[in-house]
């Protein structure tokens, strides 16, 4: 199967030898076109993990969520990231979740798996587990809690790149990890041909101004902040890794296409219409709000401790947001 993740301007100029080496080392062969792998771009959903009322993986709801993303035009999915409550999954559940997604998606879009842990050896092991379970790319957050130096981050990512068996997308979300991956560190890491992108969850303009020159030429800059992703794409980011696109996947696919085509008035109008969804998704810790809306939409029933369901005072708002999501998605069909 051959297909494109983005325009031809996003093609990495790798040698055929390098491409074959990485294709042989992992299961990313479907994402190569000729001699060059293509960049991630557009709307990428950081999937929530549906659970039953009893707290077990809900495979039926998982299928419905995956199918909805594919039908809406989502360009890639993240399985078992922080939105997917990866910290609460056993290794067997993690492998089952990734494997089930790989079988259901069947090569139609890339599957990224969250593999970042606090220790380098554990991150390598988790990346290998993701590879063996069917993921094609590892999304590797900076090590939570331990707060390494920038040289420590460089060595961490180099070791995971060399030993994990998958291409890597770096992930910076200092508000959750206590560790900030600085632009100059990203600039050094992007020279590794197996490191193919960055998900940057900081939304401030100064950070993005420093990152924009690093995009392209085989390295995808992806916003990880829904409320500011449109601005990031206007500046040169290739796409977004979104939480809100769990519940409005068609709208995110459409908005990314409008931004790509520089249809500014239409993009601004749709972005403004999505503002209540952005606001709601931040009303409590992620993924509590988005899972409340998913439950309203018939996908999944709850969360795992230490996360609790959405506070009772916000339940009416969740129902209204679910109604807005249905309305927006229906109008975009």
C-alpha atoms as a PDB file:
ATOM      1  CA  UNK A   1       0.000   0.000   0.000  1.00  0.00           C
ATOM      2  CA  UNK A   2       1.311   3.449  -0.896  1.00  0.00           C
ATOM      3  CA  UNK A   3      -0.267   6.691   0.207  1.00  0.00           C
ATOM      4  CA  UNK A   4       0.674  10.228   1.246  1.00  0.00           C
ATOM      5  CA  UNK A   5       0.671  11.834   4.670  1.00  0.00           C
ATOM      6  CA  UNK A   6       1.177  15.300   3.246  1.00  0.00           C
ATOM      7  CA  UNK A   7       2.292  17.342   0.281  1.00  0.00           C
ATOM      8  CA  UNK A   8       5.447  16.640  -1.643  1.00  0.00           C
ATOM      9  CA  UNK A   9       7.180  19.526   0.131  1.00  0.00           C
ATOM     10  CA  UNK A  10       7.112  17.373   3.276  1.00  0.00           C
ATOM     11  CA  UNK A  11       9.234  14.528   1.902  1.00  0.00           C
ATOM     12  CA  UNK A  12      12.449  13.673   3.718  1.00  0.00           C
ATOM     13  CA  UNK A  13      15.434  13.343   1.407  1.00  0.00           C
ATOM     14  CA  UNK A  14      16.746  10.058   2.799  1.00  0.00           C
ATOM     15  CA  UNK A  15      18.963   7.657   0.914  1.00  0.00           C
ATOM     16  CA  UNK A  16      17.437   4.390  -0.243  1.00  0.00           C
ATOM     17  CA  UNK A  17      19.816   2.545   2.077  1.00  0.00           C
ATOM     18  CA  UNK A  18      18.584   4.501   5.121  1.00  0.00           C
ATOM     19  CA  UNK A  19      14.934   3.990   4.201  1.00  0.00           C
ATOM     20  CA  UNK A  20      15.370   0.250   3.750  1.00  0.00           C
ATOM     21  CA  UNK A  21      17.248   0.021   7.045  1.00  0.00           C
ATOM     22  CA  UNK A  22      14.425   1.605   9.051  1.00  0.00           C
ATOM     23  CA  UNK A  23      11.697  -0.193   7.134  1.00  0.00           C
ATOM     24  CA  UNK A  24      13.403  -3.494   7.908  1.00  0.00           C
ATOM     25  CA  UNK A  25      13.797  -2.574  11.581  1.00  0.00           C
ATOM     26  CA  UNK A  26      10.134  -1.803  12.130  1.00  0.00           C
ATOM     27  CA  UNK A  27       6.715  -2.135  10.576  1.00  0.00           C
ATOM     28  CA  UNK A  28       6.614   1.295   8.949  1.00  0.00           C
ATOM     29  CA  UNK A  29       7.054   0.028   5.392  1.00  0.00           C
ATOM     30  CA  UNK A  30       3.497   1.115   4.416  1.00  0.00           C
ATOM     31  CA  UNK A  31       4.474   4.707   5.186  1.00  0.00           C
ATOM     32  CA  UNK A  32       7.308   4.909   2.632  1.00  0.00           C
ATOM     33  CA  UNK A  33       6.789   6.163  -0.878  1.00  0.00           C
ATOM     34  CA  UNK A  34       9.645   5.331  -3.206  1.00  0.00           C
ATOM     35  CA  UNK A  35      12.892   6.202  -1.441  1.00  0.00           C
ATOM     36  CA  UNK A  36      11.518   8.653   1.132  1.00  0.00           C
ATOM     37  CA  UNK A  37       9.284   8.343   4.186  1.00  0.00           C
ATOM     38  CA  UNK A  38       6.662  11.087   4.385  1.00  0.00           C
ATOM     39  CA  UNK A  39       5.996  13.481   7.204  1.00  0.00           C
ATOM     40  CA  UNK A  40       3.087  13.303   9.601  1.00  0.00           C
ATOM     41  CA  UNK A  41       0.666  16.146   8.998  1.00  0.00           C
ATOM     42  CA  UNK A  42      -2.904  17.287   9.458  1.00  0.00           C
ATOM     43  CA  UNK A  43      -5.271  16.115  12.175  1.00  0.00           C
ATOM     44  CA  UNK A  44      -3.851  13.391  14.434  1.00  0.00           C
ATOM     45  CA  UNK A  45      -6.007  12.204  17.324  1.00  0.00           C
ATOM     46  CA  UNK A  46      -4.605  11.344  20.740  1.00  0.00           C
ATOM     47  CA  UNK A  47      -7.176   8.645  21.396  1.00  0.00           C
ATOM     48  CA  UNK A  48      -8.928   8.148  24.697  1.00  0.00           C
ATOM     49  CA  UNK A  49      -9.117   4.537  25.876  1.00  0.00           C
ATOM     50  CA  UNK A  50     -12.724   3.384  26.361  1.00  0.00           C
ATOM     51  CA  UNK A  51     -13.425   1.363  29.490  1.00  0.00           C
ATOM     52  CA  UNK A  52     -16.520  -0.564  30.527  1.00  0.00           C
ATOM     53  CA  UNK A  53     -18.458   0.254  33.687  1.00  0.00           C
ATOM     54  CA  UNK A  54     -16.387  -2.474  35.366  1.00  0.00           C
ATOM     55  CA  UNK A  55     -13.163  -0.772  34.283  1.00  0.00           C
ATOM     56  CA  UNK A  56     -12.134  -3.265  31.591  1.00  0.00           C
ATOM     57  CA  UNK A  57     -11.039  -2.376  28.060  1.00  0.00           C
ATOM     58  CA  UNK A  58     -14.178  -1.894  25.959  1.00  0.00           C
ATOM     59  CA  UNK A  59     -13.220  -3.369  22.579  1.00  0.00           C
ATOM     60  CA  UNK A  60     -16.586  -2.592  20.997  1.00  0.00           C
ATOM     61  CA  UNK A  61     -16.306   1.077  21.921  1.00  0.00           C
ATOM     62  CA  UNK A  62     -12.660   1.030  20.792  1.00  0.00           C
ATOM     63  CA  UNK A  63     -13.752  -0.189  17.359  1.00  0.00           C
ATOM     64  CA  UNK A  64     -16.390   2.536  17.125  1.00  0.00           C
ATOM     65  CA  UNK A  65     -13.894   5.216  18.086  1.00  0.00           C
ATOM     66  CA  UNK A  66     -11.311   3.981  15.572  1.00  0.00           C
ATOM     67  CA  UNK A  67     -13.902   3.682  12.808  1.00  0.00           C
ATOM     68  CA  UNK A  68     -15.189   7.199  13.460  1.00  0.00           C
ATOM     69  CA  UNK A  69     -11.674   8.603  13.172  1.00  0.00           C
ATOM     70  CA  UNK A  70     -11.020   6.838   9.880  1.00  0.00           C
ATOM     71  CA  UNK A  71     -14.364   7.917   8.434  1.00  0.00           C
ATOM     72  CA  UNK A  72     -13.731  11.537   9.425  1.00  0.00           C
ATOM     73  CA  UNK A  73     -10.370  11.832   7.671  1.00  0.00           C
ATOM     74  CA  UNK A  74      -8.043  11.729  10.663  1.00  0.00           C
ATOM     75  CA  UNK A  75      -4.488  11.381   9.310  1.00  0.00           C
ATOM     76  CA  UNK A  76      -2.964   9.323  12.163  1.00  0.00           C
ATOM     77  CA  UNK A  77      -3.840   8.171  15.676  1.00  0.00           C
ATOM     78  CA  UNK A  78      -2.006   8.006  18.981  1.00  0.00           C
ATOM     79  CA  UNK A  79      -2.752   4.920  21.053  1.00  0.00           C
ATOM     80  CA  UNK A  80      -1.953   4.681  24.772  1.00  0.00           C
ATOM     81  CA  UNK A  81      -0.707   8.203  25.250  1.00  0.00           C
ATOM     82  CA  UNK A  82      -1.551  10.313  28.280  1.00  0.00           C
ATOM     83  CA  UNK A  83      -5.066  10.928  26.912  1.00  0.00           C
ATOM     84  CA  UNK A  84      -5.325   7.144  26.632  1.00  0.00           C
ATOM     85  CA  UNK A  85      -4.542   6.735  30.352  1.00  0.00           C
ATOM     86  CA  UNK A  86      -1.467   4.691  29.505  1.00  0.00           C
ATOM     87  CA  UNK A  87      -0.199   4.909  33.086  1.00  0.00           C
ATOM     88  CA  UNK A  88      -3.151   2.762  34.194  1.00  0.00           C
ATOM     89  CA  UNK A  89      -2.649   0.002  31.613  1.00  0.00           C
ATOM     90  CA  UNK A  90      -0.879  -3.274  32.286  1.00  0.00           C
ATOM     91  CA  UNK A  91       1.653  -4.419  29.701  1.00  0.00           C
ATOM     92  CA  UNK A  92      -0.858  -6.996  28.459  1.00  0.00           C
ATOM     93  CA  UNK A  93      -3.576  -4.355  28.117  1.00  0.00           C
ATOM     94  CA  UNK A  94      -1.175  -1.988  26.365  1.00  0.00           C
ATOM     95  CA  UNK A  95      -0.188  -4.652  23.848  1.00  0.00           C
ATOM     96  CA  UNK A  96      -3.840  -5.645  23.345  1.00  0.00           C
ATOM     97  CA  UNK A  97      -4.928  -2.033  22.765  1.00  0.00           C
ATOM     98  CA  UNK A  98      -2.169  -1.349  20.222  1.00  0.00           C
ATOM     99  CA  UNK A  99      -2.601  -4.713  18.514  1.00  0.00           C
ATOM    100  CA  UNK A 100      -6.357  -4.342  18.214  1.00  0.00           C
ATOM    101  CA  UNK A 101      -5.932  -0.866  16.692  1.00  0.00           C
ATOM    102  CA  UNK A 102      -3.339  -2.165  14.230  1.00  0.00           C
ATOM    103  CA  UNK A 103      -5.662  -4.908  13.040  1.00  0.00           C
ATOM    104  CA  UNK A 104      -8.670  -2.602  12.808  1.00  0.00           C
ATOM    105  CA  UNK A 105      -6.830   0.186  10.988  1.00  0.00           C
ATOM    106  CA  UNK A 106      -4.962  -2.254   8.741  1.00  0.00           C
ATOM    107  CA  UNK A 107      -2.385   0.213   7.442  1.00  0.00           C
ATOM    108  CA  UNK A 108      -4.840   2.948   6.430  1.00  0.00           C
ATOM    109  CA  UNK A 109      -3.235   5.570   8.695  1.00  0.00           C
ATOM    110  CA  UNK A 110      -0.108   5.524  10.882  1.00  0.00           C
ATOM    111  CA  UNK A 111      -0.389   4.360  14.469  1.00  0.00           C
ATOM    112  CA  UNK A 112       1.729   6.176  17.026  1.00  0.00           C
ATOM    113  CA  UNK A 113       2.038   4.587  20.456  1.00  0.00           C
ATOM    114  CA  UNK A 114       2.922   6.476  23.610  1.00  0.00           C
ATOM    115  CA  UNK A 115       6.099   4.915  24.990  1.00  0.00           C
ATOM    116  CA  UNK A 116       7.750   7.596  27.119  1.00  0.00           C
ATOM    117  CA  UNK A 117       8.548   6.643  30.722  1.00  0.00           C
ATOM    118  CA  UNK A 118      10.774   8.121  33.400  1.00  0.00           C
ATOM    119  CA  UNK A 119      13.730   5.792  32.770  1.00  0.00           C
ATOM    120  CA  UNK A 120      15.568   5.285  29.504  1.00  0.00           C
ATOM    121  CA  UNK A 121      15.751   1.492  29.762  1.00  0.00           C
ATOM    122  CA  UNK A 122      12.027   1.297  30.508  1.00  0.00           C
ATOM    123  CA  UNK A 123      11.262   3.617  27.589  1.00  0.00           C
ATOM    124  CA  UNK A 124      13.289   1.399  25.254  1.00  0.00           C
ATOM    125  CA  UNK A 125      11.413  -1.675  26.503  1.00  0.00           C
ATOM    126  CA  UNK A 126       8.049   0.051  26.063  1.00  0.00           C
ATOM    127  CA  UNK A 127       8.988   1.158  22.550  1.00  0.00           C
ATOM    128  CA  UNK A 128       9.890  -2.418  21.640  1.00  0.00           C
ATOM    129  CA  UNK A 129       6.576  -3.600  23.080  1.00  0.00           C
ATOM    130  CA  UNK A 130       4.768  -1.013  20.939  1.00  0.00           C
ATOM    131  CA  UNK A 131       6.674  -2.181  17.863  1.00  0.00           C
ATOM    132  CA  UNK A 132       5.946  -5.837  18.533  1.00  0.00           C
ATOM    133  CA  UNK A 133       2.257  -5.028  19.101  1.00  0.00           C
ATOM    134  CA  UNK A 134       1.834  -3.309  15.728  1.00  0.00           C
ATOM    135  CA  UNK A 135       2.610   0.392  16.174  1.00  0.00           C
ATOM    136  CA  UNK A 136       4.617   2.103  13.457  1.00  0.00           C
ATOM    137  CA  UNK A 137       5.901   5.172  15.330  1.00  0.00           C
ATOM    138  CA  UNK A 138       6.690   5.890  18.987  1.00  0.00           C
ATOM    139  CA  UNK A 139       5.510   9.118  20.621  1.00  0.00           C
ATOM    140  CA  UNK A 140       8.075   9.643  23.379  1.00  0.00           C
ATOM    141  CA  UNK A 141       7.351  12.235  26.035  1.00  0.00           C
ATOM    142  CA  UNK A 142      10.225  13.769  28.004  1.00  0.00           C
ATOM    143  CA  UNK A 143      10.896  11.630  31.105  1.00  0.00           C
ATOM    144  CA  UNK A 144       8.272  12.620  33.690  1.00  0.00           C
ATOM    145  CA  UNK A 145       9.256  13.779  37.171  1.00  0.00           C
ATOM    146  CA  UNK A 146      13.027  13.139  36.987  1.00  0.00           C
ATOM    147  CA  UNK A 147      13.839  16.495  35.305  1.00  0.00           C
ATOM    148  CA  UNK A 148      16.960  15.596  33.281  1.00  0.00           C
ATOM    149  CA  UNK A 149      19.295  18.232  31.899  1.00  0.00           C
ATOM    150  CA  UNK A 150      19.217  19.069  28.201  1.00  0.00           C
ATOM    151  CA  UNK A 151      22.331  16.902  27.548  1.00  0.00           C
ATOM    152  CA  UNK A 152      20.570  14.117  29.460  1.00  0.00           C
ATOM    153  CA  UNK A 153      17.536  14.476  27.194  1.00  0.00           C
ATOM    154  CA  UNK A 154      19.735  14.263  24.113  1.00  0.00           C
ATOM    155  CA  UNK A 155      21.337  11.035  25.299  1.00  0.00           C
ATOM    156  CA  UNK A 156      17.968   9.628  26.403  1.00  0.00           C
ATOM    157  CA  UNK A 157      16.384  10.139  23.000  1.00  0.00           C
ATOM    158  CA  UNK A 158      19.459   8.916  21.142  1.00  0.00           C
ATOM    159  CA  UNK A 159      19.418   5.671  23.093  1.00  0.00           C
ATOM    160  CA  UNK A 160      15.689   5.158  22.532  1.00  0.00           C
ATOM    161  CA  UNK A 161      16.168   5.923  18.837  1.00  0.00           C
ATOM    162  CA  UNK A 162      19.042   3.462  18.528  1.00  0.00           C
ATOM    163  CA  UNK A 163      17.507   0.614  20.539  1.00  0.00           C
ATOM    164  CA  UNK A 164      13.712   0.982  20.504  1.00  0.00           C
ATOM    165  CA  UNK A 165      13.113  -0.268  16.972  1.00  0.00           C
ATOM    166  CA  UNK A 166      10.686   2.479  15.881  1.00  0.00           C
ATOM    167  CA  UNK A 167      10.913   5.994  14.445  1.00  0.00           C
ATOM    168  CA  UNK A 168      10.352   8.575  17.187  1.00  0.00           C
ATOM    169  CA  UNK A 169       8.255  11.688  17.570  1.00  0.00           C
ATOM    170  CA  UNK A 170       9.485  13.803  20.470  1.00  0.00           C
ATOM    171  CA  UNK A 171       6.836  15.085  22.874  1.00  0.00           C
ATOM    172  CA  UNK A 172       7.211  18.171  25.046  1.00  0.00           C
ATOM    173  CA  UNK A 173       4.563  18.932  27.665  1.00  0.00           C
ATOM    174  CA  UNK A 174       6.383  20.532  30.616  1.00  0.00           C
ATOM    175  CA  UNK A 175       3.176  21.237  32.522  1.00  0.00           C
ATOM    176  CA  UNK A 176       2.772  17.488  33.019  1.00  0.00           C
ATOM    177  CA  UNK A 177       6.361  16.243  33.122  1.00  0.00           C
ATOM    178  CA  UNK A 178       8.245  19.043  34.877  1.00  0.00           C
ATOM    179  CA  UNK A 179      10.769  18.941  32.034  1.00  0.00           C
ATOM    180  CA  UNK A 180      11.042  21.345  29.094  1.00  0.00           C
ATOM    181  CA  UNK A 181      12.624  20.179  25.823  1.00  0.00           C
ATOM    182  CA  UNK A 182      14.253  23.373  24.548  1.00  0.00           C
ATOM    183  CA  UNK A 183      14.348  24.334  20.862  1.00  0.00           C
ATOM    184  CA  UNK A 184      18.132  24.092  20.677  1.00  0.00           C
ATOM    185  CA  UNK A 185      17.886  20.522  21.997  1.00  0.00           C
ATOM    186  CA  UNK A 186      15.242  19.718  19.403  1.00  0.00           C
ATOM    187  CA  UNK A 187      17.547  21.169  16.731  1.00  0.00           C
ATOM    188  CA  UNK A 188      20.280  18.742  17.744  1.00  0.00           C
ATOM    189  CA  UNK A 189      17.972  15.724  17.991  1.00  0.00           C
ATOM    190  CA  UNK A 190      16.365  16.328  14.589  1.00  0.00           C
ATOM    191  CA  UNK A 191      19.679  15.426  12.974  1.00  0.00           C
ATOM    192  CA  UNK A 192      18.995  11.812  13.953  1.00  0.00           C
ATOM    193  CA  UNK A 193      17.233  10.354  10.874  1.00  0.00           C
ATOM    194  CA  UNK A 194      15.086   8.135  13.078  1.00  0.00           C
ATOM    195  CA  UNK A 195      13.632  11.139  14.953  1.00  0.00           C
ATOM    196  CA  UNK A 196      10.898  12.360  12.624  1.00  0.00           C
ATOM    197  CA  UNK A 197       8.972  15.007  14.509  1.00  0.00           C
ATOM    198  CA  UNK A 198       8.000  16.939  17.617  1.00  0.00           C
ATOM    199  CA  UNK A 199       4.679  17.294  19.392  1.00  0.00           C
ATOM    200  CA  UNK A 200       4.970  20.641  21.190  1.00  0.00           C
ATOM    201  CA  UNK A 201       2.272  21.276  23.802  1.00  0.00           C
ATOM    202  CA  UNK A 202       3.465  24.739  24.763  1.00  0.00           C
ATOM    203  CA  UNK A 203       1.267  27.247  23.007  1.00  0.00           C
ATOM    204  CA  UNK A 204       3.274  30.440  23.487  1.00  0.00           C
ATOM    205  CA  UNK A 205       4.326  32.296  20.365  1.00  0.00           C
ATOM    206  CA  UNK A 206       7.965  32.733  21.405  1.00  0.00           C
ATOM    207  CA  UNK A 207       8.442  28.977  21.652  1.00  0.00           C
ATOM    208  CA  UNK A 208       6.895  28.405  18.250  1.00  0.00           C
ATOM    209  CA  UNK A 209       8.932  31.198  16.671  1.00  0.00           C
ATOM    210  CA  UNK A 210      12.044  29.303  17.765  1.00  0.00           C
ATOM    211  CA  UNK A 211      10.700  25.999  16.425  1.00  0.00           C
ATOM    212  CA  UNK A 212       9.371  27.005  13.003  1.00  0.00           C
ATOM    213  CA  UNK A 213      12.813  26.973  11.328  1.00  0.00           C
ATOM    214  CA  UNK A 214      13.213  23.313  12.368  1.00  0.00           C
ATOM    215  CA  UNK A 215      10.163  22.065  10.463  1.00  0.00           C
ATOM    216  CA  UNK A 216      10.135  20.480   7.031  1.00  0.00           C
ATOM    217  CA  UNK A 217      12.978  18.535   5.414  1.00  0.00           C
ATOM    218  CA  UNK A 218      11.743  15.356   7.083  1.00  0.00           C
ATOM    219  CA  UNK A 219      10.841  16.694  10.517  1.00  0.00           C
ATOM    220  CA  UNK A 220       7.180  17.312  11.424  1.00  0.00           C
ATOM    221  CA  UNK A 221       6.280  20.089  13.811  1.00  0.00           C
ATOM    222  CA  UNK A 222       2.956  19.197  15.446  1.00  0.00           C
ATOM    223  CA  UNK A 223       1.026  21.310  17.896  1.00  0.00           C
ATOM    224  CA  UNK A 224      -0.159  19.566  21.030  1.00  0.00           C
ATOM    225  CA  UNK A 225      -2.368  22.432  22.194  1.00  0.00           C
ATOM    226  CA  UNK A 226      -5.871  22.519  20.701  1.00  0.00           C
ATOM    227  CA  UNK A 227      -6.735  26.166  21.470  1.00  0.00           C
ATOM    228  CA  UNK A 228      -3.612  27.495  19.716  1.00  0.00           C
ATOM    229  CA  UNK A 229      -2.949  24.905  17.029  1.00  0.00           C
ATOM    230  CA  UNK A 230      -4.463  26.987  14.219  1.00  0.00           C
ATOM    231  CA  UNK A 231      -2.004  29.774  14.928  1.00  0.00           C
ATOM    232  CA  UNK A 232       0.845  27.248  14.980  1.00  0.00           C
ATOM    233  CA  UNK A 233      -0.202  25.858  11.603  1.00  0.00           C
ATOM    234  CA  UNK A 234      -0.407  29.361  10.142  1.00  0.00           C
ATOM    235  CA  UNK A 235       3.189  29.833  11.260  1.00  0.00           C
ATOM    236  CA  UNK A 236       4.415  26.606   9.682  1.00  0.00           C
ATOM    237  CA  UNK A 237       3.460  23.638  11.875  1.00  0.00           C
ATOM    238  CA  UNK A 238       2.435  20.585   9.848  1.00  0.00           C
ATOM    239  CA  UNK A 239      -0.536  19.594  11.976  1.00  0.00           C
ATOM    240  CA  UNK A 240      -1.938  18.891  15.413  1.00  0.00           C
ATOM    241  CA  UNK A 241      -2.046  15.990  17.863  1.00  0.00           C
ATOM    242  CA  UNK A 242      -5.441  16.693  19.364  1.00  0.00           C
ATOM    243  CA  UNK A 243      -7.570  15.680  22.313  1.00  0.00           C
ATOM    244  CA  UNK A 244     -10.730  17.431  21.095  1.00  0.00           C
ATOM    245  CA  UNK A 245     -10.628  15.533  17.798  1.00  0.00           C
ATOM    246  CA  UNK A 246     -11.822  12.469  19.729  1.00  0.00           C
ATOM    247  CA  UNK A 247     -15.254  14.144  19.733  1.00  0.00           C
ATOM    248  CA  UNK A 248     -15.093  16.363  16.616  1.00  0.00           C
ATOM    249  CA  UNK A 249     -12.783  14.444  14.261  1.00  0.00           C
ATOM    250  CA  UNK A 250     -14.409  15.670  11.056  1.00  0.00           C
ATOM    251  CA  UNK A 251     -14.126  19.288  12.195  1.00  0.00           C
ATOM    252  CA  UNK A 252     -10.415  18.916  12.943  1.00  0.00           C
ATOM    253  CA  UNK A 253      -9.729  17.246   9.619  1.00  0.00           C
ATOM    254  CA  UNK A 254     -11.614  20.040   7.876  1.00  0.00           C
ATOM    255  CA  UNK A 255      -9.881  22.804   9.839  1.00  0.00           C
ATOM    256  CA  UNK A 256      -6.440  21.380   9.080  1.00  0.00           C
ATOM    257  CA  UNK A 257      -7.322  21.238   5.369  1.00  0.00           C
ATOM    258  CA  UNK A 258      -8.516  24.849   5.417  1.00  0.00           C
ATOM    259  CA  UNK A 259      -5.330  25.991   7.135  1.00  0.00           C
ATOM    260  CA  UNK A 260      -3.189  24.022   4.703  1.00  0.00           C
ATOM    261  CA  UNK A 261      -4.963  25.685   1.782  1.00  0.00           C
ATOM    262  CA  UNK A 262      -4.723  29.170   3.372  1.00  0.00           C
ATOM    263  CA  UNK A 263      -8.514  29.592   3.363  1.00  0.00           C
ATOM    264  CA  UNK A 264      -8.192  31.940   6.301  1.00  0.00           C
ATOM    265  CA  UNK A 265     -11.742  33.232   6.691  1.00  0.00           C
ATOM    266  CA  UNK A 266     -13.273  29.758   6.648  1.00  0.00           C
ATOM    267  CA  UNK A 267     -10.582  28.436   8.993  1.00  0.00           C
ATOM    268  CA  UNK A 268     -11.097  31.287  11.454  1.00  0.00           C
ATOM    269  CA  UNK A 269     -14.859  30.748  11.464  1.00  0.00           C
ATOM    270  CA  UNK A 270     -14.577  27.015  12.155  1.00  0.00           C
ATOM    271  CA  UNK A 271     -11.891  27.555  14.788  1.00  0.00           C
ATOM    272  CA  UNK A 272     -14.137  30.066  16.553  1.00  0.00           C
ATOM    273  CA  UNK A 273     -17.051  27.651  16.435  1.00  0.00           C
ATOM    274  CA  UNK A 274     -14.897  25.015  18.141  1.00  0.00           C
ATOM    275  CA  UNK A 275     -13.907  27.354  20.989  1.00  0.00           C
ATOM    276  CA  UNK A 276     -16.546  25.989  23.412  1.00  0.00           C
ATOM    277  CA  UNK A 277     -15.179  22.494  22.775  1.00  0.00           C
ATOM    278  CA  UNK A 278     -11.621  23.650  23.511  1.00  0.00           C
ATOM    279  CA  UNK A 279     -12.788  25.384  26.670  1.00  0.00           C
ATOM    280  CA  UNK A 280     -14.687  22.350  27.901  1.00  0.00           C
ATOM    281  CA  UNK A 281     -11.780  19.970  27.294  1.00  0.00           C
ATOM    282  CA  UNK A 282      -9.726  22.047  29.746  1.00  0.00           C
ATOM    283  CA  UNK A 283     -12.362  22.359  32.455  1.00  0.00           C
ATOM    284  CA  UNK A 284     -10.820  19.478  34.448  1.00  0.00           C
ATOM    285  CA  UNK A 285      -7.706  17.346  33.997  1.00  0.00           C
ATOM    286  CA  UNK A 286      -7.415  15.589  30.641  1.00  0.00           C
ATOM    287  CA  UNK A 287      -8.980  13.167  29.698  1.00  0.00           C
ATOM    288  CA  UNK A 288     -11.831  13.623  32.178  1.00  0.00           C
ATOM    289  CA  UNK A 289     -13.849  16.136  30.102  1.00  0.00           C
ATOM    290  CA  UNK A 290     -13.382  14.483  26.712  1.00  0.00           C
ATOM    291  CA  UNK A 291     -14.356  11.105  28.153  1.00  0.00           C
ATOM    292  CA  UNK A 292     -17.511  12.641  29.615  1.00  0.00           C
ATOM    293  CA  UNK A 293     -18.506  13.783  26.116  1.00  0.00           C
ATOM    294  CA  UNK A 294     -17.530  10.433  24.605  1.00  0.00           C
ATOM    295  CA  UNK A 295     -19.836   8.771  27.112  1.00  0.00           C
ATOM    296  CA  UNK A 296     -22.635  11.105  25.989  1.00  0.00           C
ATOM    297  CA  UNK A 297     -21.843  10.009  22.432  1.00  0.00           C
ATOM    298  CA  UNK A 298     -22.059   6.315  23.375  1.00  0.00           C
ATOM    299  CA  UNK A 299     -18.334   5.499  23.473  1.00  0.00           C
ATOM    300  CA  UNK A 300     -16.976   4.195  26.775  1.00  0.00           C
ATOM    301  CA  UNK A 301     -18.201   4.447  30.341  1.00  0.00           C
ATOM    302  CA  UNK A 302     -15.501   5.765  32.605  1.00  0.00           C
ATOM    303  CA  UNK A 303     -11.934   6.310  33.767  1.00  0.00           C
ATOM    304  CA  UNK A 304      -9.444   4.594  36.027  1.00  0.00           C
ATOM    305  CA  UNK A 305      -8.181   5.873  39.346  1.00  0.00           C
ATOM    306  CA  UNK A 306      -6.674   8.210  40.284  1.00  0.00           C
ATOM    307  CA  UNK A 307      -8.892   9.984  37.740  1.00  0.00           C
ATOM    308  CA  UNK A 308     -12.536  10.395  38.722  1.00  0.00           C
ATOM    309  CA  UNK A 309     -15.508  11.067  36.437  1.00  0.00           C
ATOM    310  CA  UNK A 310     -16.404  14.651  35.589  1.00  0.00           C
ATOM    311  CA  UNK A 311     -17.708  16.663  38.535  1.00  0.00           C
ATOM    312  CA  UNK A 312     -21.479  16.700  38.826  1.00  0.00           C
ATOM    313  CA  UNK A 313     -21.602  20.472  38.419  1.00  0.00           C
ATOM    314  CA  UNK A 314     -20.261  20.120  34.859  1.00  0.00           C
ATOM    315  CA  UNK A 315     -22.510  17.286  33.643  1.00  0.00           C
ATOM    316  CA  UNK A 316     -25.135  19.548  32.077  1.00  0.00           C
ATOM    317  CA  UNK A 317     -22.369  21.348  30.202  1.00  0.00           C
ATOM    318  CA  UNK A 318     -20.997  18.017  28.990  1.00  0.00           C
ATOM    319  CA  UNK A 319     -24.391  17.179  27.520  1.00  0.00           C
ATOM    320  CA  UNK A 320     -24.568  20.562  25.781  1.00  0.00           C
ATOM    321  CA  UNK A 321     -21.060  20.173  24.373  1.00  0.00           C
ATOM    322  CA  UNK A 322     -21.943  16.700  23.114  1.00  0.00           C
ATOM    323  CA  UNK A 323     -24.918  18.228  21.333  1.00  0.00           C
ATOM    324  CA  UNK A 324     -22.700  20.880  19.776  1.00  0.00           C
ATOM    325  CA  UNK A 325     -20.259  18.201  18.624  1.00  0.00           C
ATOM    326  CA  UNK A 326     -23.067  16.238  16.970  1.00  0.00           C
ATOM    327  CA  UNK A 327     -24.297  19.375  15.242  1.00  0.00           C
ATOM    328  CA  UNK A 328     -20.880  20.426  13.929  1.00  0.00           C
ATOM    329  CA  UNK A 329     -19.978  16.933  12.734  1.00  0.00           C
ATOM    330  CA  UNK A 330     -23.338  16.451  11.028  1.00  0.00           C
ATOM    331  CA  UNK A 331     -23.013  19.717   9.132  1.00  0.00           C
ATOM    332  CA  UNK A 332     -19.569  18.732   7.838  1.00  0.00           C
ATOM    333  CA  UNK A 333     -20.629  15.368   6.419  1.00  0.00           C
END
